[in-house]
Amino acid sequence: MNGGADNASLGNRIAVVTGGCGGIGTAICERFVREGATVYAADIAGDSRSAARYLSLDVTCEDSIRAMMERIGDEQGRLDILVNAAGIEIESTIEETTLADWNRIFAINVTGMFLACKHALSLLRRAGGGSIINFGSYDGFIADPGLAAYCATKGAVHALTRAMACDHGPENIRVNAVCPGYVDTPMLQGFFGSSGDIDSLRQAVQDVHPVRRYGTPEDVANLVNWLAGDEARYASGQLWVLDGGLTAQVQQMRL
């Protein structure tokens, strides 16, 4: 759906997207704006590339998250949609992972999500309910080699998403997780860039998918937009895998 005054699906909604300046975060912000929402792109990076309102945010800092939610409360009075898209990836086995790296990836991928949800709840209640959309991964179900800590964080995201859906469903607060596979973002390009034959690897990644391509940030934004809106009012506590059929196969190709 292309937004507009007559068909915007999120008209008059207030949304915040952590990691809102990243590849997927920017696409989500742009889609929400087109659908009529007032959108805050919260990120530790620079200003938002979308039409969203930029907020500087360090998801590992509770004071930073608390200040962000207080500002949104002062400016808007409520919050309808929270998207936790902030995240990093560390490519290593547990033997190669330092304790500092382990703590950092959990601080961003898991604790940051926990803190954002915790401090958003009062604003979501003011709105009479809302939608929380977390970012898991297909790596929370199966594991890619050399991503041990990343896989562990996504498993935690999946479990916490379900727990929050159970706890806050009676308050009309829905909680879901989007679990992407390969998506064309700077994180994926960094993976390609560390390999020798980039072109052949890119082709191999596409060929291993039944749909013969990897995803785009817009593909992810489409699902997030649906989960944020009223059409998904009965959807909660679910882990929505978006991977072009990758994990539907009996055996994965070893890249």
Protein backbone atom coordinates (compact mmCIF):
# COMPACT_ATOMS: atom_id res chain seq x y z
CA MET A 1 0.00 0.00 0.00
CA ASN A 2 1.41 3.39 -0.96
CA GLY A 3 0.41 5.87 1.69
CA GLY A 4 -1.70 8.97 1.22
CA ALA A 5 -4.51 10.80 2.93
CA ASP A 6 -7.17 8.39 1.65
CA ASN A 7 -5.51 5.03 2.25
CA ALA A 8 -2.78 5.48 4.86
CA SER A 9 -2.89 2.49 7.19
CA LEU A 10 -1.12 4.16 10.12
CA GLY A 11 -2.71 7.59 10.10
CA ASN A 12 -2.31 9.47 13.39
CA ARG A 13 -0.12 6.73 14.89
CA ILE A 14 3.03 7.57 16.83
CA ALA A 15 5.97 5.24 16.16
CA VAL A 16 9.57 4.93 17.26
CA VAL A 17 12.13 2.77 15.48
CA THR A 18 15.40 2.00 17.26
CA GLY A 19 18.22 1.50 14.79
CA GLY A 20 16.15 3.81 12.60
CA CYS A 21 19.14 4.99 10.57
CA GLY A 22 20.26 1.49 9.52
CA GLY A 23 19.37 -0.21 6.27
CA ILE A 24 16.25 -1.97 7.53
CA GLY A 25 15.41 0.77 10.06
CA THR A 26 15.41 3.46 7.37
CA ALA A 27 13.09 1.41 5.14
CA ILE A 28 10.69 0.92 8.05
CA CYS A 29 10.70 4.63 8.91
CA GLU A 30 10.07 5.56 5.29
CA ARG A 31 7.17 3.11 5.02
CA PHE A 32 5.60 4.31 8.28
CA VAL A 33 5.83 7.94 7.14
CA ARG A 34 4.12 7.05 3.85
CA GLU A 35 1.40 5.31 5.84
CA GLY A 36 0.65 8.48 7.79
CA ALA A 37 2.47 7.88 11.08
CA THR A 38 4.54 10.36 13.04
CA VAL A 39 7.86 8.53 13.21
CA TYR A 40 10.94 8.89 15.39
CA ALA A 41 14.14 7.33 14.03
CA ALA A 42 16.21 6.61 17.14
CA ASP A 43 19.84 5.71 16.53
CA ILE A 44 23.37 6.28 17.77
CA ALA A 45 24.34 7.03 14.17
CA GLY A 46 23.88 10.35 12.40
CA ASP A 47 20.68 12.07 11.33
CA SER A 48 17.91 10.04 9.75
CA ARG A 49 17.95 9.55 5.98
CA SER A 50 14.17 9.29 5.95
CA ALA A 51 11.47 11.86 6.69
CA ALA A 52 11.30 10.62 10.27
CA ARG A 53 12.27 12.80 13.22
CA TYR A 54 15.77 11.87 14.35
CA LEU A 55 16.52 11.13 17.99
CA SER A 56 20.01 10.32 19.24
CA LEU A 57 19.82 7.06 21.19
CA ASP A 58 22.24 4.63 22.78
CA VAL A 59 20.17 1.48 23.35
CA THR A 60 22.72 0.19 25.87
CA CYS A 61 22.07 3.18 28.17
CA GLU A 62 18.90 3.14 30.26
CA ASP A 63 19.07 6.89 30.86
CA SER A 64 19.19 7.47 27.09
CA ILE A 65 16.13 5.29 26.50
CA ARG A 66 14.25 6.82 29.41
CA ALA A 67 14.96 10.33 28.09
CA MET A 68 13.76 9.35 24.61
CA MET A 69 10.46 8.00 25.92
CA GLU A 70 9.96 11.05 28.12
CA ARG A 71 10.47 13.31 25.11
CA ILE A 72 7.97 11.36 23.02
CA GLY A 73 5.52 11.51 25.92
CA ASP A 74 5.95 15.28 26.23
CA GLU A 75 5.62 15.87 22.48
CA GLN A 76 2.94 13.31 21.58
CA GLY A 77 1.34 12.17 24.81
CA ARG A 78 1.43 8.51 23.85
CA LEU A 79 3.10 5.83 21.72
CA ASP A 80 1.35 3.39 19.38
CA ILE A 81 4.21 1.45 17.76
CA LEU A 82 7.67 0.43 18.96
CA VAL A 83 10.07 -1.26 16.54
CA ASN A 84 13.31 -2.60 18.01
CA ALA A 85 15.55 -2.79 14.94
CA ALA A 86 18.89 -1.87 16.54
CA GLY A 87 21.40 -4.70 16.35
CA ILE A 88 24.92 -5.80 15.50
CA GLU A 89 26.57 -9.01 14.32
CA ILE A 90 29.84 -10.55 15.49
CA GLU A 91 31.40 -13.19 13.25
CA SER A 92 33.16 -15.69 15.50
CA THR A 93 32.85 -18.98 17.35
CA ILE A 94 32.55 -18.88 21.14
CA GLU A 95 36.26 -19.69 21.42
CA GLU A 96 37.07 -16.63 19.35
CA THR A 97 34.52 -14.39 21.09
CA THR A 98 35.88 -12.23 23.89
CA LEU A 99 33.82 -11.56 26.98
CA ALA A 100 33.73 -7.90 25.98
CA ASP A 101 32.28 -8.79 22.58
CA TRP A 102 29.76 -11.15 24.18
CA ASN A 103 28.61 -8.46 26.62
CA ARG A 104 28.44 -5.83 23.85
CA ILE A 105 26.30 -7.86 21.47
CA PHE A 106 23.90 -8.83 24.26
CA ALA A 107 23.76 -5.21 25.44
CA ILE A 108 22.68 -4.01 21.99
CA ASN A 109 20.62 -6.91 20.65
CA VAL A 110 18.86 -8.04 23.83
CA THR A 111 19.22 -5.58 26.72
CA GLY A 112 18.50 -2.62 24.43
CA MET A 113 15.28 -4.26 23.32
CA PHE A 114 14.34 -5.03 26.93
CA LEU A 115 14.95 -1.43 28.02
CA ALA A 116 13.06 0.10 25.10
CA CYS A 117 10.06 -2.14 25.77
CA LYS A 118 10.19 -1.55 29.51
CA HIS A 119 10.12 2.23 29.19
CA ALA A 120 7.63 2.27 26.31
CA LEU A 121 4.90 0.42 28.19
CA SER A 122 3.46 3.42 30.01
CA LEU A 123 3.17 5.34 26.72
CA LEU A 124 1.56 2.37 24.98
CA ARG A 125 -0.99 2.14 27.80
CA ARG A 126 -1.83 5.82 27.30
CA ALA A 127 -2.72 4.96 23.71
CA GLY A 128 -4.99 2.15 24.87
CA GLY A 129 -2.60 -0.47 23.53
CA GLY A 130 -0.24 -0.83 20.62
CA SER A 131 2.22 -2.98 18.72
CA ILE A 132 5.79 -3.91 19.66
CA ILE A 133 7.85 -5.44 16.87
CA ASN A 134 11.21 -6.92 17.79
CA PHE A 135 13.94 -8.16 15.49
CA GLY A 136 14.91 -11.77 15.80
CA SER A 137 16.50 -13.78 13.01
CA TYR A 138 16.29 -17.11 11.28
CA ASP A 139 19.59 -17.57 13.18
CA GLY A 140 17.46 -17.84 16.32
CA PHE A 141 16.10 -21.13 14.94
CA ILE A 142 19.07 -22.57 13.06
CA ALA A 143 22.70 -21.52 13.18
CA ASP A 144 25.08 -20.13 10.62
CA PRO A 145 28.71 -21.15 11.27
CA GLY A 146 30.80 -18.59 13.08
CA LEU A 147 27.92 -16.55 14.51
CA ALA A 148 27.62 -18.12 17.96
CA ALA A 149 27.00 -14.99 20.03
CA TYR A 150 24.68 -13.50 17.42
CA CYS A 151 22.61 -16.69 17.33
CA ALA A 152 22.40 -16.66 21.13
CA THR A 153 21.08 -13.09 21.19
CA LYS A 154 18.39 -13.87 18.65
CA GLY A 155 17.23 -16.90 20.62
CA ALA A 156 16.86 -14.59 23.62
CA VAL A 157 14.88 -12.08 21.57
CA HIS A 158 12.50 -14.81 20.46
CA ALA A 159 11.87 -16.03 24.01
CA LEU A 160 11.40 -12.53 25.44
CA THR A 161 9.00 -11.62 22.62
CA ARG A 162 6.72 -14.51 23.54
CA ALA A 163 6.91 -13.72 27.25
CA MET A 164 5.97 -10.07 26.71
CA ALA A 165 3.09 -11.06 24.45
CA CYS A 166 1.70 -13.22 27.26
CA ASP A 167 2.19 -10.57 29.94
CA HIS A 168 0.83 -7.57 28.07
CA GLY A 169 -1.78 -9.02 25.73
CA PRO A 170 -4.52 -8.26 28.30
CA GLU A 171 -3.54 -4.58 27.96
CA ASN A 172 -4.12 -4.69 24.18
CA ILE A 173 -0.36 -4.60 23.58
CA ARG A 174 0.68 -7.01 20.87
CA VAL A 175 4.29 -8.24 20.69
CA ASN A 176 5.80 -10.01 17.67
CA ALA A 177 9.25 -10.64 16.25
CA VAL A 178 10.31 -10.42 12.61
CA CYS A 179 13.00 -12.99 11.83
CA PRO A 180 14.76 -12.14 8.55
CA GLY A 181 17.18 -14.28 6.62
CA TYR A 182 19.66 -12.73 4.20
CA VAL A 183 18.70 -9.09 3.59
CA ASP A 184 20.61 -6.65 1.39
CA THR A 185 21.95 -4.28 4.05
CA PRO A 186 25.38 -2.89 4.98
CA MET A 187 25.70 -5.81 7.43
CA LEU A 188 25.30 -8.30 4.59
CA GLN A 189 27.64 -6.36 2.34
CA GLY A 190 30.23 -6.48 5.12
CA PHE A 191 29.91 -10.26 5.10
CA PHE A 192 30.43 -10.36 1.35
CA GLY A 193 33.32 -7.93 1.58
CA SER A 194 35.30 -10.22 3.86
CA SER A 195 35.25 -12.98 1.27
CA GLY A 196 37.53 -13.51 -1.70
CA ASP A 197 35.21 -13.97 -4.68
CA ILE A 198 32.38 -11.58 -3.85
CA ASP A 199 30.41 -12.04 -7.07
CA SER A 200 30.32 -15.83 -6.87
CA LEU A 201 29.38 -15.71 -3.18
CA ARG A 202 26.55 -13.26 -3.86
CA GLN A 203 25.23 -15.59 -6.55
CA ALA A 204 25.54 -18.62 -4.30
CA VAL A 205 23.58 -16.86 -1.57
CA GLN A 206 20.79 -16.11 -4.03
CA ASP A 207 20.77 -19.63 -5.47
CA VAL A 208 20.39 -21.30 -2.07
CA HIS A 209 17.02 -19.57 -1.64
CA PRO A 210 13.96 -21.18 -3.23
CA VAL A 211 12.93 -17.71 -4.49
CA ARG A 212 16.47 -17.28 -5.93
CA ARG A 213 17.20 -13.95 -4.31
CA TYR A 214 17.86 -12.47 -0.90
CA GLY A 215 15.60 -9.94 0.70
CA THR A 216 15.51 -6.17 0.57
CA PRO A 217 14.88 -3.74 3.43
CA GLU A 218 11.57 -2.94 1.75
CA ASP A 219 10.54 -6.60 1.98
CA VAL A 220 11.07 -6.42 5.73
CA ALA A 221 9.32 -3.06 6.03
CA ASN A 222 6.24 -4.54 4.32
CA LEU A 223 5.86 -7.17 7.04
CA VAL A 224 6.62 -4.72 9.85
CA ASN A 225 4.02 -2.32 8.48
CA TRP A 226 1.38 -5.04 8.54
CA LEU A 227 2.26 -6.08 12.09
CA ALA A 228 2.06 -2.45 13.21
CA GLY A 229 -1.44 -1.89 11.86
CA ASP A 230 -4.99 -2.94 12.63
CA GLU A 231 -5.07 -5.73 10.05
CA ALA A 232 -2.74 -7.67 12.38
CA ARG A 233 -4.88 -7.07 15.48
CA TYR A 234 -5.07 -10.83 16.22
CA ALA A 235 -1.36 -11.45 15.64
CA SER A 236 0.74 -11.60 18.78
CA GLY A 237 3.45 -13.72 20.35
CA GLN A 238 4.66 -14.98 16.98
CA LEU A 239 8.05 -15.26 15.30
CA TRP A 240 7.57 -14.25 11.66
CA VAL A 241 10.29 -15.82 9.52
CA LEU A 242 11.00 -13.83 6.35
CA ASP A 243 13.71 -15.68 4.45
CA GLY A 244 12.57 -16.46 0.91
CA GLY A 245 11.94 -20.08 1.86
CA LEU A 246 15.54 -20.65 3.02
CA THR A 247 14.65 -22.55 6.21
CA ALA A 248 11.85 -24.52 4.54
CA GLN A 249 14.45 -26.74 2.86
CA VAL A 250 15.44 -30.11 4.26
CA GLN A 251 19.15 -29.38 4.00
CA GLN A 252 20.97 -26.09 3.57
CA MET A 253 23.73 -25.56 1.06
CA ARG A 254 27.06 -24.95 2.78
CA LEU A 255 28.34 -21.63 1.50
